Amino acid sequence: MGNYTLNEVIKRWTRGDMTTEQVVGQTLLILQDMARRVGTLEKLRESDRNEGNMENNKPEG
């Protein structure tokens, strides 16, 4: 079984196409992916902030 979107998981579970254990597994995979994506965004934001601070601290000249 591949990864599904959250909406697909809900639809499949509602129709009885997935067991509770499968739903939990798929939900954990979705959550894991979201955590990875949020971590990436946080790193990019921090990097942008640091670059902005470096530009603001450049000596004039």
PDB file of N, CA and C in Angstrom:
ATOM      1  N   MET A   1       0.853  -1.186   0.000  1.00  0.00           N
ATOM      2  CA  MET A   1       0.000   0.000   0.000  1.00  0.00           C
ATOM      3  C   MET A   1       0.887   1.233   0.000  1.00  0.00           C
ATOM      4  N   GLY A   2       0.619   2.154  -0.894  1.00  0.00           N
ATOM      5  CA  GLY A   2       1.403   3.377  -0.993  1.00  0.00           C
ATOM      6  C   GLY A   2       0.915   4.439  -0.031  1.00  0.00           C
ATOM      7  N   ASN A   3       1.567   5.572  -0.109  1.00  0.00           N
ATOM      8  CA  ASN A   3       1.135   6.705   0.707  1.00  0.00           C
ATOM      9  C   ASN A   3      -0.071   7.371   0.071  1.00  0.00           C
ATOM     10  N   TYR A   4      -1.006   7.757   0.881  1.00  0.00           N
ATOM     11  CA  TYR A   4      -2.216   8.435   0.425  1.00  0.00           C
ATOM     12  C   TYR A   4      -2.276   9.820   1.050  1.00  0.00           C
ATOM     13  N   THR A   5      -3.072  10.694   0.438  1.00  0.00           N
ATOM     14  CA  THR A   5      -3.329  11.984   1.077  1.00  0.00           C
ATOM     15  C   THR A   5      -4.274  11.741   2.242  1.00  0.00           C
ATOM     16  N   LEU A   6      -4.359  12.705   3.122  1.00  0.00           N
ATOM     17  CA  LEU A   6      -5.250  12.570   4.268  1.00  0.00           C
ATOM     18  C   LEU A   6      -6.697  12.379   3.817  1.00  0.00           C
ATOM     19  N   ASN A   7      -7.113  13.119   2.796  1.00  0.00           N
ATOM     20  CA  ASN A   7      -8.482  12.967   2.290  1.00  0.00           C
ATOM     21  C   ASN A   7      -8.732  11.567   1.745  1.00  0.00           C
ATOM     22  N   GLU A   8      -7.735  11.004   1.049  1.00  0.00           N
ATOM     23  CA  GLU A   8      -7.881   9.653   0.527  1.00  0.00           C
ATOM     24  C   GLU A   8      -7.999   8.632   1.656  1.00  0.00           C
ATOM     25  N   VAL A   9      -7.199   8.812   2.698  1.00  0.00           N
ATOM     26  CA  VAL A   9      -7.257   7.906   3.846  1.00  0.00           C
ATOM     27  C   VAL A   9      -8.646   7.959   4.479  1.00  0.00           C
ATOM     28  N   ILE A  10      -9.152   9.155   4.670  1.00  0.00           N
ATOM     29  CA  ILE A  10     -10.478   9.304   5.282  1.00  0.00           C
ATOM     30  C   ILE A  10     -11.546   8.651   4.418  1.00  0.00           C
ATOM     31  N   LYS A  11     -11.495   8.878   3.110  1.00  0.00           N
ATOM     32  CA  LYS A  11     -12.477   8.272   2.199  1.00  0.00           C
ATOM     33  C   LYS A  11     -12.409   6.752   2.240  1.00  0.00           C
ATOM     34  N   ARG A  12     -11.187   6.216   2.156  1.00  0.00           N
ATOM     35  CA  ARG A  12     -11.020   4.766   2.147  1.00  0.00           C
ATOM     36  C   ARG A  12     -11.487   4.150   3.464  1.00  0.00           C
ATOM     37  N   TRP A  13     -11.195   4.800   4.572  1.00  0.00           N
ATOM     38  CA  TRP A  13     -11.603   4.290   5.882  1.00  0.00           C
ATOM     39  C   TRP A  13     -13.125   4.349   6.018  1.00  0.00           C
ATOM     40  N   THR A  14     -13.717   5.452   5.568  1.00  0.00           N
ATOM     41  CA  THR A  14     -15.173   5.614   5.633  1.00  0.00           C
ATOM     42  C   THR A  14     -15.879   4.537   4.810  1.00  0.00           C
ATOM     43  N   ARG A  15     -15.308   4.194   3.659  1.00  0.00           N
ATOM     44  CA  ARG A  15     -15.894   3.165   2.798  1.00  0.00           C
ATOM     45  C   ARG A  15     -15.605   1.757   3.298  1.00  0.00           C
ATOM     46  N   GLY A  16     -14.723   1.632   4.271  1.00  0.00           N
ATOM     47  CA  GLY A  16     -14.366   0.316   4.784  1.00  0.00           C
ATOM     48  C   GLY A  16     -13.267  -0.360   3.989  1.00  0.00           C
ATOM     49  N   ASP A  17     -12.557   0.423   3.165  1.00  0.00           N
ATOM     50  CA  ASP A  17     -11.479  -0.132   2.344  1.00  0.00           C
ATOM     51  C   ASP A  17     -10.166  -0.262   3.107  1.00  0.00           C
ATOM     52  N   MET A  18     -10.088   0.327   4.308  1.00  0.00           N
ATOM     53  CA  MET A  18      -8.870   0.268   5.111  1.00  0.00           C
ATOM     54  C   MET A  18      -9.232  -0.105   6.537  1.00  0.00           C
ATOM     55  N   THR A  19      -8.355  -0.882   7.153  1.00  0.00           N
ATOM     56  CA  THR A  19      -8.549  -1.218   8.561  1.00  0.00           C
ATOM     57  C   THR A  19      -8.080  -0.037   9.422  1.00  0.00           C
ATOM     58  N   THR A  20      -8.446  -0.087  10.676  1.00  0.00           N
ATOM     59  CA  THR A  20      -8.014   0.960  11.604  1.00  0.00           C
ATOM     60  C   THR A  20      -6.487   0.998  11.669  1.00  0.00           C
ATOM     61  N   GLU A  21      -5.852  -0.169  11.668  1.00  0.00           N
ATOM     62  CA  GLU A  21      -4.395  -0.228  11.723  1.00  0.00           C
ATOM     63  C   GLU A  21      -3.774   0.410  10.479  1.00  0.00           C
ATOM     64  N   GLN A  22      -4.370   0.189   9.326  1.00  0.00           N
ATOM     65  CA  GLN A  22      -3.869   0.806   8.099  1.00  0.00           C
ATOM     66  C   GLN A  22      -4.035   2.317   8.141  1.00  0.00           C
ATOM     67  N   VAL A  23      -5.164   2.764   8.669  1.00  0.00           N
ATOM     68  CA  VAL A  23      -5.407   4.209   8.784  1.00  0.00           C
ATOM     69  C   VAL A  23      -4.379   4.842   9.708  1.00  0.00           C
ATOM     70  N   VAL A  24      -4.102   4.196  10.832  1.00  0.00           N
ATOM     71  CA  VAL A  24      -3.104   4.731  11.765  1.00  0.00           C
ATOM     72  C   VAL A  24      -1.736   4.783  11.086  1.00  0.00           C
ATOM     73  N   GLY A  25      -1.369   3.722  10.390  1.00  0.00           N
ATOM     74  CA  GLY A  25      -0.083   3.698   9.696  1.00  0.00           C
ATOM     75  C   GLY A  25       0.030   4.793   8.654  1.00  0.00           C
ATOM     76  N   GLN A  26      -0.995   4.946   7.852  1.00  0.00           N
ATOM     77  CA  GLN A  26      -0.983   5.984   6.822  1.00  0.00           C
ATOM     78  C   GLN A  26      -0.956   7.380   7.449  1.00  0.00           C
ATOM     79  N   THR A  27      -1.688   7.556   8.528  1.00  0.00           N
ATOM     80  CA  THR A  27      -1.712   8.856   9.211  1.00  0.00           C
ATOM     81  C   THR A  27      -0.342   9.186   9.775  1.00  0.00           C
ATOM     82  N   LEU A  28       0.343   8.187  10.317  1.00  0.00           N
ATOM     83  CA  LEU A  28       1.693   8.421  10.819  1.00  0.00           C
ATOM     84  C   LEU A  28       2.654   8.799   9.693  1.00  0.00           C
ATOM     85  N   LEU A  29       2.511   8.166   8.536  1.00  0.00           N
ATOM     86  CA  LEU A  29       3.354   8.525   7.392  1.00  0.00           C
ATOM     87  C   LEU A  29       3.082   9.960   6.942  1.00  0.00           C
ATOM     88  N   ILE A  30       1.816  10.346   6.923  1.00  0.00           N
ATOM     89  CA  ILE A  30       1.448  11.714   6.551  1.00  0.00           C
ATOM     90  C   ILE A  30       2.034  12.703   7.560  1.00  0.00           C
ATOM     91  N   LEU A  31       1.919  12.378   8.836  1.00  0.00           N
ATOM     92  CA  LEU A  31       2.441  13.242   9.892  1.00  0.00           C
ATOM     93  C   LEU A  31       3.963  13.351   9.803  1.00  0.00           C
ATOM     94  N   GLN A  32       4.622  12.247   9.521  1.00  0.00           N
ATOM     95  CA  GLN A  32       6.074  12.251   9.377  1.00  0.00           C
ATOM     96  C   GLN A  32       6.494  13.168   8.226  1.00  0.00           C
ATOM     97  N   ASP A  33       5.794  13.077   7.109  1.00  0.00           N
ATOM     98  CA  ASP A  33       6.099  13.921   5.959  1.00  0.00           C
ATOM     99  C   ASP A  33       5.864  15.397   6.287  1.00  0.00           C
ATOM    100  N   MET A  34       4.775  15.680   6.976  1.00  0.00           N
ATOM    101  CA  MET A  34       4.497  17.072   7.355  1.00  0.00           C
ATOM    102  C   MET A  34       5.573  17.610   8.285  1.00  0.00           C
ATOM    103  N   ALA A  35       6.024  16.802   9.238  1.00  0.00           N
ATOM    104  CA  ALA A  35       7.069  17.237  10.169  1.00  0.00           C
ATOM    105  C   ALA A  35       8.366  17.534   9.415  1.00  0.00           C
ATOM    106  N   ARG A  36       8.686  16.692   8.425  1.00  0.00           N
ATOM    107  CA  ARG A  36       9.883  16.930   7.615  1.00  0.00           C
ATOM    108  C   ARG A  36       9.765  18.235   6.844  1.00  0.00           C
ATOM    109  N   ARG A  37       8.581  18.469   6.254  1.00  0.00           N
ATOM    110  CA  ARG A  37       8.375  19.678   5.462  1.00  0.00           C
ATOM    111  C   ARG A  37       8.414  20.933   6.332  1.00  0.00           C
ATOM    112  N   VAL A  38       7.828  20.875   7.506  1.00  0.00           N
ATOM    113  CA  VAL A  38       7.860  22.024   8.420  1.00  0.00           C
ATOM    114  C   VAL A  38       9.298  22.296   8.853  1.00  0.00           C
ATOM    115  N   GLY A  39      10.050  21.235   9.135  1.00  0.00           N
ATOM    116  CA  GLY A  39      11.458  21.404   9.507  1.00  0.00           C
ATOM    117  C   GLY A  39      12.252  22.089   8.410  1.00  0.00           C
ATOM    118  N   THR A  40      12.001  21.695   7.177  1.00  0.00           N
ATOM    119  CA  THR A  40      12.674  22.324   6.038  1.00  0.00           C
ATOM    120  C   THR A  40      12.318  23.801   5.946  1.00  0.00           C
ATOM    121  N   LEU A  41      11.035  24.116   6.107  1.00  0.00           N
ATOM    122  CA  LEU A  41      10.610  25.516   6.059  1.00  0.00           C
ATOM    123  C   LEU A  41      11.228  26.332   7.187  1.00  0.00           C
ATOM    124  N   GLU A  42      11.323  25.748   8.381  1.00  0.00           N
ATOM    125  CA  GLU A  42      11.934  26.454   9.504  1.00  0.00           C
ATOM    126  C   GLU A  42      13.406  26.747   9.229  1.00  0.00           C
ATOM    127  N   LYS A  43      14.113  25.774   8.654  1.00  0.00           N
ATOM    128  CA  LYS A  43      15.527  25.990   8.321  1.00  0.00           C
ATOM    129  C   LYS A  43      15.680  27.085   7.279  1.00  0.00           C
ATOM    130  N   LEU A  44      14.825  27.075   6.254  1.00  0.00           N
ATOM    131  CA  LEU A  44      14.881  28.113   5.226  1.00  0.00           C
ATOM    132  C   LEU A  44      14.590  29.488   5.820  1.00  0.00           C
ATOM    133  N   ARG A  45      13.612  29.555   6.694  1.00  0.00           N
ATOM    134  CA  ARG A  45      13.265  30.837   7.318  1.00  0.00           C
ATOM    135  C   ARG A  45      14.419  31.348   8.166  1.00  0.00           C
ATOM    136  N   GLU A  46      15.019  30.455   8.945  1.00  0.00           N
ATOM    137  CA  GLU A  46      16.142  30.856   9.778  1.00  0.00           C
ATOM    138  C   GLU A  46      17.313  31.307   8.918  1.00  0.00           C
ATOM    139  N   SER A  47      17.545  30.610   7.827  1.00  0.00           N
ATOM    140  CA  SER A  47      18.615  30.981   6.904  1.00  0.00           C
ATOM    141  C   SER A  47      18.351  32.360   6.309  1.00  0.00           C
ATOM    142  N   ASP A  48      17.110  32.612   5.905  1.00  0.00           N
ATOM    143  CA  ASP A  48      16.743  33.923   5.359  1.00  0.00           C
ATOM    144  C   ASP A  48      16.934  35.016   6.404  1.00  0.00           C
ATOM    145  N   ARG A  49      16.548  34.728   7.636  1.00  0.00           N
ATOM    146  CA  ARG A  49      16.727  35.715   8.712  1.00  0.00           C
ATOM    147  C   ARG A  49      18.198  36.025   8.919  1.00  0.00           C
ATOM    148  N   ASN A  50      19.018  34.973   8.947  1.00  0.00           N
ATOM    149  CA  ASN A  50      20.451  35.183   9.159  1.00  0.00           C
ATOM    150  C   ASN A  50      21.064  35.970   8.013  1.00  0.00           C
ATOM    151  N   GLU A  51      20.663  35.704   6.796  1.00  0.00           N
ATOM    152  CA  GLU A  51      21.172  36.457   5.653  1.00  0.00           C
ATOM    153  C   GLU A  51      20.717  37.908   5.731  1.00  0.00           C
ATOM    154  N   GLY A  52      19.497  38.136   6.166  1.00  0.00           N
ATOM    155  CA  GLY A  52      18.992  39.501   6.320  1.00  0.00           C
ATOM    156  C   GLY A  52      19.761  40.261   7.382  1.00  0.00           C
ATOM    157  N   ASN A  53      20.084  39.589   8.476  1.00  0.00           N
ATOM    158  CA  ASN A  53      20.861  40.224   9.535  1.00  0.00           C
ATOM    159  C   ASN A  53      22.270  40.537   9.067  1.00  0.00           C
ATOM    160  N   MET A  54      22.848  39.668   8.245  1.00  0.00           N
ATOM    161  CA  MET A  54      24.193  39.912   7.736  1.00  0.00           C
ATOM    162  C   MET A  54      24.198  41.144   6.826  1.00  0.00           C
ATOM    163  N   GLU A  55      23.166  41.281   5.992  1.00  0.00           N
ATOM    164  CA  GLU A  55      23.095  42.442   5.094  1.00  0.00           C
ATOM    165  C   GLU A  55      22.903  43.720   5.887  1.00  0.00           C
ATOM    166  N   ASN A  56      22.116  43.674   6.949  1.00  0.00           N
ATOM    167  CA  ASN A  56      21.870  44.871   7.762  1.00  0.00           C
ATOM    168  C   ASN A  56      23.103  45.274   8.545  1.00  0.00           C
ATOM    169  N   ASN A  57      24.027  44.332   8.793  1.00  0.00           N
ATOM    170  CA  ASN A  57      25.213  44.621   9.602  1.00  0.00           C
ATOM    171  C   ASN A  57      26.439  44.922   8.747  1.00  0.00           C
ATOM    172  N   LYS A  58      26.279  45.014   7.432  1.00  0.00           N
ATOM    173  CA  LYS A  58      27.421  45.325   6.564  1.00  0.00           C
ATOM    174  C   LYS A  58      27.853  46.762   6.810  1.00  0.00           C
ATOM    175  N   PRO A  59      29.150  46.990   6.826  1.00  0.00           N
ATOM    176  CA  PRO A  59      29.624  48.376   6.977  1.00  0.00           C
ATOM    177  C   PRO A  59      29.287  49.191   5.741  1.00  0.00           C
ATOM    178  N   GLU A  60      28.973  50.454   5.986  1.00  0.00           N
ATOM    179  CA  GLU A  60      28.648  51.335   4.864  1.00  0.00           C
ATOM    180  C   GLU A  60      29.928  51.747   4.166  1.00  0.00           C
ATOM    181  N   GLY A  61      29.815  51.939   2.869  1.00  0.00           N
ATOM    182  CA  GLY A  61      31.038  52.372   2.218  1.00  0.00           C
ATOM    183  C   GLY A  61      31.001  52.288   0.799  1.00  0.00           C
TER     184      GLY A  61
END
